[in-house]
Full PDB file with SEQRES, HELIX, SHEET, SSBOND, CRYST1, ORIGX, SCALE, CONECT and MASTER records, all heavy atoms in Angstrom:
SEQRES   1 A   33  THR THR SER GLU THR ASP LEU THR VAL ARG VAL ASN LEU          
SEQRES   2 A   33  ASP PRO HIS LEU ASP SER ALA THR GLY GLU SER PRO ALA          
SEQRES   3 A   33  THR GLY HIS GLY PHE PHE ASP                                  
HELIX    1 AA1 PRO A   15  LEU A   17  5                                   3    
CRYST1    1.000    1.000    1.000  90.00  90.00  90.00 P 1           1          
ORIGX1      1.000000  0.000000  0.000000        0.00000                         
ORIGX2      0.000000  1.000000  0.000000        0.00000                         
ORIGX3      0.000000  0.000000  1.000000        0.00000                         
SCALE1      1.000000  0.000000  0.000000        0.00000                         
SCALE2      0.000000  1.000000  0.000000        0.00000                         
SCALE3      0.000000  0.000000  1.000000        0.00000                         
ATOM      1  N   THR A   1      -6.888 -17.563 -12.637  1.00  0.00           N  
ATOM      2  CA  THR A   1      -7.066 -18.027 -13.988  1.00  0.00           C  
ATOM      3  C   THR A   1      -8.574 -18.325 -14.181  1.00  0.00           C  
ATOM      4  O   THR A   1      -9.211 -19.035 -13.456  1.00  0.00           O  
ATOM      5  CB  THR A   1      -6.275 -19.271 -14.373  1.00  0.00           C  
ATOM      6  OG1 THR A   1      -4.939 -19.004 -14.151  1.00  0.00           O  
ATOM      7  CG2 THR A   1      -6.526 -19.695 -15.769  1.00  0.00           C  
ATOM      8  N   THR A   2      -9.124 -17.686 -15.230  1.00  0.00           N  
ATOM      9  CA  THR A   2     -10.546 -17.965 -15.645  1.00  0.00           C  
ATOM     10  C   THR A   2     -10.610 -18.280 -17.045  1.00  0.00           C  
ATOM     11  O   THR A   2      -9.617 -18.155 -17.797  1.00  0.00           O  
ATOM     12  CB  THR A   2     -11.484 -16.798 -15.272  1.00  0.00           C  
ATOM     13  OG1 THR A   2     -11.263 -15.644 -16.158  1.00  0.00           O  
ATOM     14  CG2 THR A   2     -11.264 -16.298 -13.742  1.00  0.00           C  
ATOM     15  N   SER A   3     -11.814 -18.454 -17.643  1.00  0.00           N  
ATOM     16  CA  SER A   3     -11.897 -18.552 -19.091  1.00  0.00           C  
ATOM     17  C   SER A   3     -11.697 -17.317 -19.819  1.00  0.00           C  
ATOM     18  O   SER A   3     -11.624 -17.308 -21.044  1.00  0.00           O  
ATOM     19  CB  SER A   3     -13.316 -19.146 -19.406  1.00  0.00           C  
ATOM     20  OG  SER A   3     -14.362 -18.243 -19.015  1.00  0.00           O  
ATOM     21  N   GLU A   4     -11.691 -16.121 -19.023  1.00  0.00           N  
ATOM     22  CA  GLU A   4     -11.566 -14.825 -19.733  1.00  0.00           C  
ATOM     23  C   GLU A   4     -10.121 -14.254 -19.498  1.00  0.00           C  
ATOM     24  O   GLU A   4      -9.667 -13.534 -20.379  1.00  0.00           O  
ATOM     25  CB  GLU A   4     -12.554 -13.864 -19.120  1.00  0.00           C  
ATOM     26  CG  GLU A   4     -13.979 -14.392 -19.340  1.00  0.00           C  
ATOM     27  CD  GLU A   4     -14.997 -13.551 -18.520  1.00  0.00           C  
ATOM     28  OE1 GLU A   4     -14.623 -12.923 -17.600  1.00  0.00           O  
ATOM     29  OE2 GLU A   4     -16.170 -13.591 -19.004  1.00  0.00           O  
ATOM     30  N   THR A   5      -9.532 -14.481 -18.371  1.00  0.00           N  
ATOM     31  CA  THR A   5      -8.223 -13.920 -18.105  1.00  0.00           C  
ATOM     32  C   THR A   5      -7.280 -14.892 -17.389  1.00  0.00           C  
ATOM     33  O   THR A   5      -7.747 -15.878 -16.728  1.00  0.00           O  
ATOM     34  CB  THR A   5      -8.338 -12.704 -17.135  1.00  0.00           C  
ATOM     35  OG1 THR A   5      -8.939 -13.042 -15.936  1.00  0.00           O  
ATOM     36  CG2 THR A   5      -9.192 -11.570 -17.834  1.00  0.00           C  
ATOM     37  N   ASP A   6      -5.952 -14.635 -17.430  1.00  0.00           N  
ATOM     38  CA  ASP A   6      -4.959 -15.362 -16.688  1.00  0.00           C  
ATOM     39  C   ASP A   6      -3.961 -14.359 -16.193  1.00  0.00           C  
ATOM     40  O   ASP A   6      -3.169 -13.874 -16.962  1.00  0.00           O  
ATOM     41  CB  ASP A   6      -4.352 -16.433 -17.616  1.00  0.00           C  
ATOM     42  CG  ASP A   6      -3.314 -17.324 -16.894  1.00  0.00           C  
ATOM     43  OD1 ASP A   6      -3.143 -17.202 -15.621  1.00  0.00           O  
ATOM     44  OD2 ASP A   6      -2.650 -18.127 -17.552  1.00  0.00           O  
ATOM     45  N   LEU A   7      -3.956 -14.140 -14.853  1.00  0.00           N  
ATOM     46  CA  LEU A   7      -3.212 -13.039 -14.319  1.00  0.00           C  
ATOM     47  C   LEU A   7      -2.440 -13.419 -13.112  1.00  0.00           C  
ATOM     48  O   LEU A   7      -2.914 -14.246 -12.307  1.00  0.00           O  
ATOM     49  CB  LEU A   7      -4.139 -11.895 -13.916  1.00  0.00           C  
ATOM     50  CG  LEU A   7      -4.855 -11.071 -15.040  1.00  0.00           C  
ATOM     51  CD1 LEU A   7      -6.057 -10.461 -14.590  1.00  0.00           C  
ATOM     52  CD2 LEU A   7      -3.933 -10.102 -15.746  1.00  0.00           C  
ATOM     53  N   THR A   8      -1.214 -12.819 -12.923  1.00  0.00           N  
ATOM     54  CA  THR A   8      -0.423 -12.957 -11.732  1.00  0.00           C  
ATOM     55  C   THR A   8      -0.030 -11.623 -11.229  1.00  0.00           C  
ATOM     56  O   THR A   8       0.448 -10.747 -11.997  1.00  0.00           O  
ATOM     57  CB  THR A   8       0.778 -13.857 -11.989  1.00  0.00           C  
ATOM     58  OG1 THR A   8       0.436 -15.116 -12.312  1.00  0.00           O  
ATOM     59  CG2 THR A   8       1.696 -13.880 -10.736  1.00  0.00           C  
ATOM     60  N   VAL A   9      -0.143 -11.362  -9.919  1.00  0.00           N  
ATOM     61  CA  VAL A   9       0.288 -10.090  -9.324  1.00  0.00           C  
ATOM     62  C   VAL A   9       1.148 -10.443  -8.154  1.00  0.00           C  
ATOM     63  O   VAL A   9       0.765 -11.252  -7.291  1.00  0.00           O  
ATOM     64  CB  VAL A   9      -0.927  -9.297  -8.788  1.00  0.00           C  
ATOM     65  CG1 VAL A   9      -0.426  -8.100  -8.073  1.00  0.00           C  
ATOM     66  CG2 VAL A   9      -1.800  -8.751 -10.089  1.00  0.00           C  
ATOM     67  N   ARG A  10       2.304  -9.854  -8.161  1.00  0.00           N  
ATOM     68  CA  ARG A  10       3.210  -9.931  -6.992  1.00  0.00           C  
ATOM     69  C   ARG A  10       3.425  -8.478  -6.477  1.00  0.00           C  
ATOM     70  O   ARG A  10       3.624  -7.533  -7.235  1.00  0.00           O  
ATOM     71  CB  ARG A  10       4.574 -10.454  -7.321  1.00  0.00           C  
ATOM     72  CG  ARG A  10       4.475 -11.915  -7.901  1.00  0.00           C  
ATOM     73  CD  ARG A  10       5.873 -12.561  -7.923  1.00  0.00           C  
ATOM     74  NE  ARG A  10       6.802 -11.856  -8.721  1.00  0.00           N  
ATOM     75  CZ  ARG A  10       6.966 -11.874 -10.051  1.00  0.00           C  
ATOM     76  NH1 ARG A  10       6.127 -12.575 -10.813  1.00  0.00           N  
ATOM     77  NH2 ARG A  10       7.863 -11.161 -10.679  1.00  0.00           N  
ATOM     78  N   VAL A  11       3.325  -8.304  -5.150  1.00  0.00           N  
ATOM     79  CA  VAL A  11       3.363  -6.993  -4.547  1.00  0.00           C  
ATOM     80  C   VAL A  11       4.405  -7.098  -3.346  1.00  0.00           C  
ATOM     81  O   VAL A  11       4.393  -8.042  -2.634  1.00  0.00           O  
ATOM     82  CB  VAL A  11       2.012  -6.507  -4.036  1.00  0.00           C  
ATOM     83  CG1 VAL A  11       1.364  -7.448  -3.057  1.00  0.00           C  
ATOM     84  CG2 VAL A  11       2.094  -5.060  -3.551  1.00  0.00           C  
ATOM     85  N   ASN A  12       5.161  -6.010  -3.212  1.00  0.00           N  
ATOM     86  CA  ASN A  12       6.075  -5.883  -2.048  1.00  0.00           C  
ATOM     87  C   ASN A  12       5.824  -4.460  -1.509  1.00  0.00           C  
ATOM     88  O   ASN A  12       6.035  -3.451  -2.187  1.00  0.00           O  
ATOM     89  CB  ASN A  12       7.514  -6.004  -2.509  1.00  0.00           C  
ATOM     90  CG  ASN A  12       8.475  -5.835  -1.347  1.00  0.00           C  
ATOM     91  OD1 ASN A  12       8.062  -5.430  -0.243  1.00  0.00           O  
ATOM     92  ND2 ASN A  12       9.773  -6.019  -1.630  1.00  0.00           N  
ATOM     93  N   LEU A  13       5.225  -4.332  -0.375  1.00  0.00           N  
ATOM     94  CA  LEU A  13       4.896  -3.045   0.265  1.00  0.00           C  
ATOM     95  C   LEU A  13       6.123  -2.277   0.882  1.00  0.00           C  
ATOM     96  O   LEU A  13       5.925  -1.161   1.163  1.00  0.00           O  
ATOM     97  CB  LEU A  13       3.827  -3.300   1.331  1.00  0.00           C  
ATOM     98  CG  LEU A  13       2.505  -3.957   0.830  1.00  0.00           C  
ATOM     99  CD1 LEU A  13       1.505  -3.987   2.028  1.00  0.00           C  
ATOM    100  CD2 LEU A  13       1.961  -3.303  -0.353  1.00  0.00           C  
ATOM    101  N   ASP A  14       7.191  -3.071   0.976  1.00  0.00           N  
ATOM    102  CA  ASP A  14       8.400  -2.405   1.565  1.00  0.00           C  
ATOM    103  C   ASP A  14       9.556  -2.650   0.645  1.00  0.00           C  
ATOM    104  O   ASP A  14      10.569  -3.348   1.036  1.00  0.00           O  
ATOM    105  CB  ASP A  14       8.676  -3.003   2.971  1.00  0.00           C  
ATOM    106  CG  ASP A  14       7.474  -2.845   3.919  1.00  0.00           C  
ATOM    107  OD1 ASP A  14       7.137  -1.699   4.199  1.00  0.00           O  
ATOM    108  OD2 ASP A  14       6.894  -3.788   4.340  1.00  0.00           O  
ATOM    109  N   PRO A  15       9.592  -2.084  -0.537  1.00  0.00           N  
ATOM    110  CA  PRO A  15      10.668  -2.360  -1.491  1.00  0.00           C  
ATOM    111  C   PRO A  15      11.970  -1.881  -1.047  1.00  0.00           C  
ATOM    112  O   PRO A  15      13.010  -2.394  -1.457  1.00  0.00           O  
ATOM    113  CB  PRO A  15      10.203  -1.566  -2.785  1.00  0.00           C  
ATOM    114  CG  PRO A  15       9.216  -0.580  -2.265  1.00  0.00           C  
ATOM    115  CD  PRO A  15       8.606  -1.192  -1.128  1.00  0.00           C  
ATOM    116  N   HIS A  16      12.060  -0.879  -0.071  1.00  0.00           N  
ATOM    117  CA  HIS A  16      13.322  -0.493   0.372  1.00  0.00           C  
ATOM    118  C   HIS A  16      14.026  -1.537   1.275  1.00  0.00           C  
ATOM    119  O   HIS A  16      15.192  -1.403   1.524  1.00  0.00           O  
ATOM    120  CB  HIS A  16      13.142   0.741   1.260  1.00  0.00           C  
ATOM    121  CG  HIS A  16      12.293   0.633   2.434  1.00  0.00           C  
ATOM    122  ND1 HIS A  16      10.943   0.445   2.336  1.00  0.00           N  
ATOM    123  CD2 HIS A  16      12.544   0.500   3.752  1.00  0.00           C  
ATOM    124  CE1 HIS A  16      10.385   0.315   3.553  1.00  0.00           C  
ATOM    125  NE2 HIS A  16      11.408   0.328   4.426  1.00  0.00           N  
ATOM    126  N   LEU A  17      13.308  -2.587   1.660  1.00  0.00           N  
ATOM    127  CA  LEU A  17      13.876  -3.691   2.419  1.00  0.00           C  
ATOM    128  C   LEU A  17      14.383  -4.758   1.545  1.00  0.00           C  
ATOM    129  O   LEU A  17      14.871  -5.794   2.060  1.00  0.00           O  
ATOM    130  CB  LEU A  17      12.871  -4.168   3.462  1.00  0.00           C  
ATOM    131  CG  LEU A  17      12.406  -3.127   4.524  1.00  0.00           C  
ATOM    132  CD1 LEU A  17      11.411  -3.868   5.457  1.00  0.00           C  
ATOM    133  CD2 LEU A  17      13.574  -2.573   5.286  1.00  0.00           C  
ATOM    134  N   ASP A  18      14.134  -4.597   0.232  1.00  0.00           N  
ATOM    135  CA  ASP A  18      14.491  -5.749  -0.707  1.00  0.00           C  
ATOM    136  C   ASP A  18      15.164  -5.172  -1.924  1.00  0.00           C  
ATOM    137  O   ASP A  18      14.689  -4.188  -2.480  1.00  0.00           O  
ATOM    138  CB  ASP A  18      13.137  -6.430  -1.109  1.00  0.00           C  
ATOM    139  CG  ASP A  18      13.347  -7.656  -2.001  1.00  0.00           C  
ATOM    140  OD1 ASP A  18      14.394  -7.954  -2.411  1.00  0.00           O  
ATOM    141  OD2 ASP A  18      12.339  -8.410  -2.107  1.00  0.00           O  
ATOM    142  N   SER A  19      16.186  -5.850  -2.405  1.00  0.00           N  
ATOM    143  CA  SER A  19      16.977  -5.314  -3.613  1.00  0.00           C  
ATOM    144  C   SER A  19      16.195  -5.625  -4.851  1.00  0.00           C  
ATOM    145  O   SER A  19      16.472  -4.994  -5.883  1.00  0.00           O  
ATOM    146  CB  SER A  19      18.290  -5.951  -3.664  1.00  0.00           C  
ATOM    147  OG  SER A  19      18.225  -7.423  -3.748  1.00  0.00           O  
ATOM    148  N   ALA A  20      15.186  -6.491  -4.837  1.00  0.00           N  
ATOM    149  CA  ALA A  20      14.457  -6.799  -6.018  1.00  0.00           C  
ATOM    150  C   ALA A  20      13.612  -5.590  -6.387  1.00  0.00           C  
ATOM    151  O   ALA A  20      13.086  -4.814  -5.631  1.00  0.00           O  
ATOM    152  CB  ALA A  20      13.519  -7.958  -5.765  1.00  0.00           C  
ATOM    153  N   THR A  21      13.416  -5.438  -7.741  1.00  0.00           N  
ATOM    154  CA  THR A  21      12.592  -4.233  -8.239  1.00  0.00           C  
ATOM    155  C   THR A  21      11.421  -4.867  -9.040  1.00  0.00           C  
ATOM    156  O   THR A  21      11.445  -5.973  -9.460  1.00  0.00           O  
ATOM    157  CB  THR A  21      13.417  -3.369  -9.159  1.00  0.00           C  
ATOM    158  OG1 THR A  21      13.935  -4.201 -10.233  1.00  0.00           O  
ATOM    159  CG2 THR A  21      14.630  -2.735  -8.365  1.00  0.00           C  
ATOM    160  N   GLY A  22      10.487  -4.016  -9.176  1.00  0.00           N  
ATOM    161  CA  GLY A  22       9.248  -4.401  -9.870  1.00  0.00           C  
ATOM    162  C   GLY A  22       9.480  -4.510 -11.354  1.00  0.00           C  
ATOM    163  O   GLY A  22      10.454  -3.839 -11.940  1.00  0.00           O  
ATOM    164  N   GLU A  23       8.791  -5.385 -12.047  1.00  0.00           N  
ATOM    165  CA  GLU A  23       8.880  -5.569 -13.485  1.00  0.00           C  
ATOM    166  C   GLU A  23       7.902  -4.655 -14.136  1.00  0.00           C  
ATOM    167  O   GLU A  23       6.869  -4.337 -13.599  1.00  0.00           O  
ATOM    168  CB  GLU A  23       8.721  -7.060 -13.855  1.00  0.00           C  
ATOM    169  CG  GLU A  23       9.715  -7.950 -13.125  1.00  0.00           C  
ATOM    170  CD  GLU A  23       9.318  -9.368 -13.258  1.00  0.00           C  
ATOM    171  OE1 GLU A  23       8.269  -9.625 -13.966  1.00  0.00           O  
ATOM    172  OE2 GLU A  23       9.919 -10.252 -12.666  1.00  0.00           O  
ATOM    173  N   SER A  24       8.196  -4.376 -15.407  1.00  0.00           N  
ATOM    174  CA  SER A  24       7.163  -3.606 -16.186  1.00  0.00           C  
ATOM    175  C   SER A  24       5.884  -4.431 -16.330  1.00  0.00           C  
ATOM    176  O   SER A  24       5.970  -5.579 -16.723  1.00  0.00           O  
ATOM    177  CB  SER A  24       7.749  -3.227 -17.553  1.00  0.00           C  
ATOM    178  OG  SER A  24       8.904  -2.378 -17.405  1.00  0.00           O  
ATOM    179  N   PRO A  25       4.779  -3.769 -16.068  1.00  0.00           N  
ATOM    180  CA  PRO A  25       3.484  -4.530 -16.237  1.00  0.00           C  
ATOM    181  C   PRO A  25       3.388  -5.075 -17.682  1.00  0.00           C  
ATOM    182  O   PRO A  25       3.694  -4.285 -18.610  1.00  0.00           O  
ATOM    183  CB  PRO A  25       2.425  -3.545 -15.917  1.00  0.00           C  
ATOM    184  CG  PRO A  25       3.062  -2.508 -15.071  1.00  0.00           C  
ATOM    185  CD  PRO A  25       4.481  -2.466 -15.516  1.00  0.00           C  
ATOM    186  N   ALA A  26       2.801  -6.194 -17.843  1.00  0.00           N  
ATOM    187  CA  ALA A  26       2.630  -6.828 -19.203  1.00  0.00           C  
ATOM    188  C   ALA A  26       1.349  -7.561 -19.170  1.00  0.00           C  
ATOM    189  O   ALA A  26       1.236  -8.707 -18.912  1.00  0.00           O  
ATOM    190  CB  ALA A  26       3.774  -7.715 -19.537  1.00  0.00           C  
ATOM    191  N   THR A  27       0.267  -6.870 -19.627  1.00  0.00           N  
ATOM    192  CA  THR A  27      -1.024  -7.512 -19.772  1.00  0.00           C  
ATOM    193  C   THR A  27      -1.509  -7.583 -21.198  1.00  0.00           C  
ATOM    194  O   THR A  27      -2.531  -8.252 -21.436  1.00  0.00           O  
ATOM    195  CB  THR A  27      -2.126  -6.636 -18.981  1.00  0.00           C  
ATOM    196  OG1 THR A  27      -2.341  -5.416 -19.699  1.00  0.00           O  
ATOM    197  CG2 THR A  27      -1.698  -6.437 -17.486  1.00  0.00           C  
ATOM    198  N   GLY A  28      -0.684  -7.021 -22.112  1.00  0.00           N  
ATOM    199  CA  GLY A  28      -1.203  -7.068 -23.552  1.00  0.00           C  
ATOM    200  C   GLY A  28      -1.947  -5.907 -23.958  1.00  0.00           C  
ATOM    201  O   GLY A  28      -2.283  -5.685 -25.092  1.00  0.00           O  
ATOM    202  N   HIS A  29      -2.368  -4.974 -23.054  1.00  0.00           N  
ATOM    203  CA  HIS A  29      -3.065  -3.755 -23.295  1.00  0.00           C  
ATOM    204  C   HIS A  29      -2.178  -2.527 -23.032  1.00  0.00           C  
ATOM    205  O   HIS A  29      -1.895  -2.186 -21.951  1.00  0.00           O  
ATOM    206  CB  HIS A  29      -4.323  -3.661 -22.510  1.00  0.00           C  
ATOM    207  CG  HIS A  29      -5.316  -2.561 -22.937  1.00  0.00           C  
ATOM    208  ND1 HIS A  29      -5.082  -1.264 -22.642  1.00  0.00           N  
ATOM    209  CD2 HIS A  29      -6.498  -2.675 -23.509  1.00  0.00           C  
ATOM    210  CE1 HIS A  29      -6.001  -0.581 -23.095  1.00  0.00           C  
ATOM    211  NE2 HIS A  29      -6.882  -1.346 -23.635  1.00  0.00           N  
ATOM    212  N   GLY A  30      -1.723  -1.962 -24.069  1.00  0.00           N  
ATOM    213  CA  GLY A  30      -0.712  -0.931 -24.027  1.00  0.00           C  
ATOM    214  C   GLY A  30      -1.008   0.214 -23.025  1.00  0.00           C  
ATOM    215  O   GLY A  30      -0.288   0.589 -22.086  1.00  0.00           O  
ATOM    216  N   PHE A  31      -2.237   0.840 -23.155  1.00  0.00           N  
ATOM    217  CA  PHE A  31      -2.556   1.985 -22.307  1.00  0.00           C  
ATOM    218  C   PHE A  31      -2.735   1.512 -20.883  1.00  0.00           C  
ATOM    219  O   PHE A  31      -2.281   2.167 -19.919  1.00  0.00           O  
ATOM    220  CB  PHE A  31      -3.791   2.714 -22.848  1.00  0.00           C  
ATOM    221  CG  PHE A  31      -4.135   3.911 -21.964  1.00  0.00           C  
ATOM    222  CD1 PHE A  31      -3.442   5.040 -22.047  1.00  0.00           C  
ATOM    223  CD2 PHE A  31      -5.136   3.808 -21.018  1.00  0.00           C  
ATOM    224  CE1 PHE A  31      -3.640   6.126 -21.251  1.00  0.00           C  
ATOM    225  CE2 PHE A  31      -5.473   4.911 -20.266  1.00  0.00           C  
ATOM    226  CZ  PHE A  31      -4.743   6.090 -20.373  1.00  0.00           C  
ATOM    227  N   PHE A  32      -3.377   0.356 -20.632  1.00  0.00           N  
ATOM    228  CA  PHE A  32      -3.507  -0.089 -19.289  1.00  0.00           C  
ATOM    229  C   PHE A  32      -2.216  -0.412 -18.631  1.00  0.00           C  
ATOM    230  O   PHE A  32      -1.988  -0.145 -17.556  1.00  0.00           O  
ATOM    231  CB  PHE A  32      -4.475  -1.323 -19.283  1.00  0.00           C  
ATOM    232  CG  PHE A  32      -4.785  -1.826 -17.942  1.00  0.00           C  
ATOM    233  CD1 PHE A  32      -5.238  -1.052 -16.908  1.00  0.00           C  
ATOM    234  CD2 PHE A  32      -4.721  -3.262 -17.733  1.00  0.00           C  
ATOM    235  CE1 PHE A  32      -5.548  -1.503 -15.683  1.00  0.00           C  
ATOM    236  CE2 PHE A  32      -5.131  -3.799 -16.383  1.00  0.00           C  
ATOM    237  CZ  PHE A  32      -5.552  -2.845 -15.450  1.00  0.00           C  
ATOM    238  N   ASP A  33      -1.284  -0.990 -19.426  1.00  0.00           N  
ATOM    239  CA  ASP A  33       0.078  -1.242 -18.821  1.00  0.00           C  
ATOM    240  C   ASP A  33       0.730   0.131 -18.507  1.00  0.00           C  
ATOM    241  O   ASP A  33       1.457   0.173 -17.478  1.00  0.00           O  
ATOM    242  CB  ASP A  33       0.947  -1.967 -19.894  1.00  0.00           C  
ATOM    243  CG  ASP A  33       0.509  -3.415 -20.014  1.00  0.00           C  
ATOM    244  OD1 ASP A  33      -0.144  -3.974 -19.141  1.00  0.00           O  
ATOM    245  OD2 ASP A  33       0.978  -4.003 -20.973  1.00  0.00           O  
TER     246      ASP A  33                                                      
MASTER        0    0    0    1    0    0    0    6  245    1    0    3          
END                                                                             
């Protein structure tokens, strides 16, 4: 968190070992998402 941005990133390098799936990116910038 800074005065310019507030961001959270969660990463799983081995998704096949976990039933959880990634969420759709949501940064507020359509093309970047």
